[in-house]
Amino acid sequence: MLLVAVAGAGTLWHYRNVIAKNQIQAELILAYNHADVSLCDGSLCARVNHQDKRYGDYLPVKSRPNNP
């Protein structure tokens, strides 16, 4: 009985972490869906209030540095 309780607690802990991770990803996807973004020469561009002659109303988004 104790083994079943420990296994159940471990399973609940695991899936709680999976749900939390997926919720963060879902919030990011919702923000992306609400943003006006496009691909510009293989990079992500976002429509902002300023105009850029290269891509019209879109400006390139600065990439994150690679984390080792």
Protein backbone atom coordinates (compact mmCIF):
# COMPACT_ATOMS: atom_id res chain seq x y z
CA MET A 1 0.00 0.00 0.00
CA LEU A 2 2.84 2.39 0.85
CA LEU A 3 4.53 1.58 -2.47
CA VAL A 4 1.34 2.48 -4.37
CA ALA A 5 1.08 5.78 -2.46
CA VAL A 6 4.72 6.67 -3.20
CA ALA A 7 4.33 5.76 -6.87
CA GLY A 8 1.15 7.83 -7.10
CA ALA A 9 2.81 10.83 -5.46
CA GLY A 10 5.77 10.56 -7.84
CA THR A 11 3.44 10.39 -10.84
CA LEU A 12 1.47 13.43 -9.67
CA TRP A 13 4.68 15.41 -9.09
CA HIS A 14 5.96 14.50 -12.58
CA TYR A 15 2.76 15.51 -14.37
CA ARG A 16 2.44 18.71 -12.33
CA ASN A 17 5.87 19.74 -13.67
CA VAL A 18 4.89 18.76 -17.24
CA ILE A 19 1.70 20.86 -16.99
CA ALA A 20 3.61 23.86 -15.62
CA LYS A 21 6.14 23.68 -18.47
CA ASN A 22 3.40 23.38 -21.08
CA GLN A 23 1.52 26.34 -19.59
CA ILE A 24 4.60 28.56 -20.04
CA GLN A 25 4.93 27.39 -23.64
CA ALA A 26 1.22 27.99 -24.25
CA GLU A 27 1.51 31.57 -22.95
CA LEU A 28 4.44 32.16 -25.33
CA ILE A 29 2.46 30.80 -28.28
CA LEU A 30 -0.54 32.98 -27.39
CA ALA A 31 1.71 36.06 -27.26
CA TYR A 32 3.23 35.08 -30.62
CA ASN A 33 -0.24 34.60 -32.12
CA HIS A 34 -1.29 38.09 -30.96
CA ALA A 35 1.89 39.70 -32.30
CA ASP A 36 2.30 40.86 -35.88
CA VAL A 37 5.40 38.91 -36.86
CA SER A 38 6.80 37.53 -40.09
CA LEU A 39 9.91 35.87 -41.50
CA CYS A 40 12.43 38.18 -43.16
CA ASP A 41 15.29 36.37 -44.88
CA GLY A 42 15.05 33.46 -42.41
CA SER A 43 14.91 35.67 -39.29
CA LEU A 44 11.92 36.74 -37.26
CA CYS A 45 10.66 40.27 -37.85
CA ALA A 46 8.00 42.15 -35.91
CA ARG A 47 5.76 44.99 -37.01
CA VAL A 48 6.47 48.01 -34.85
CA ASN A 49 5.54 51.69 -34.96
CA HIS A 50 8.71 52.65 -36.84
CA GLN A 51 9.26 51.99 -40.52
CA ASP A 52 12.31 50.15 -41.85
CA LYS A 53 12.92 50.53 -45.58
CA ARG A 54 14.28 46.95 -45.87
CA TYR A 55 11.08 45.22 -44.74
CA GLY A 56 8.46 47.97 -44.75
CA ASP A 57 6.83 48.18 -41.31
CA TYR A 58 8.74 45.12 -40.02
CA LEU A 59 11.98 45.27 -38.03
CA PRO A 60 14.30 42.31 -37.42
CA VAL A 61 14.09 40.80 -33.93
CA LYS A 62 17.42 40.53 -32.14
CA SER A 63 18.44 36.89 -31.65
CA ARG A 64 19.31 35.49 -28.25
CA PRO A 65 22.94 34.59 -27.66
CA ASN A 66 23.61 30.85 -27.72
CA ASN A 67 23.66 29.39 -24.22
CA PRO A 68 26.12 26.52 -23.76
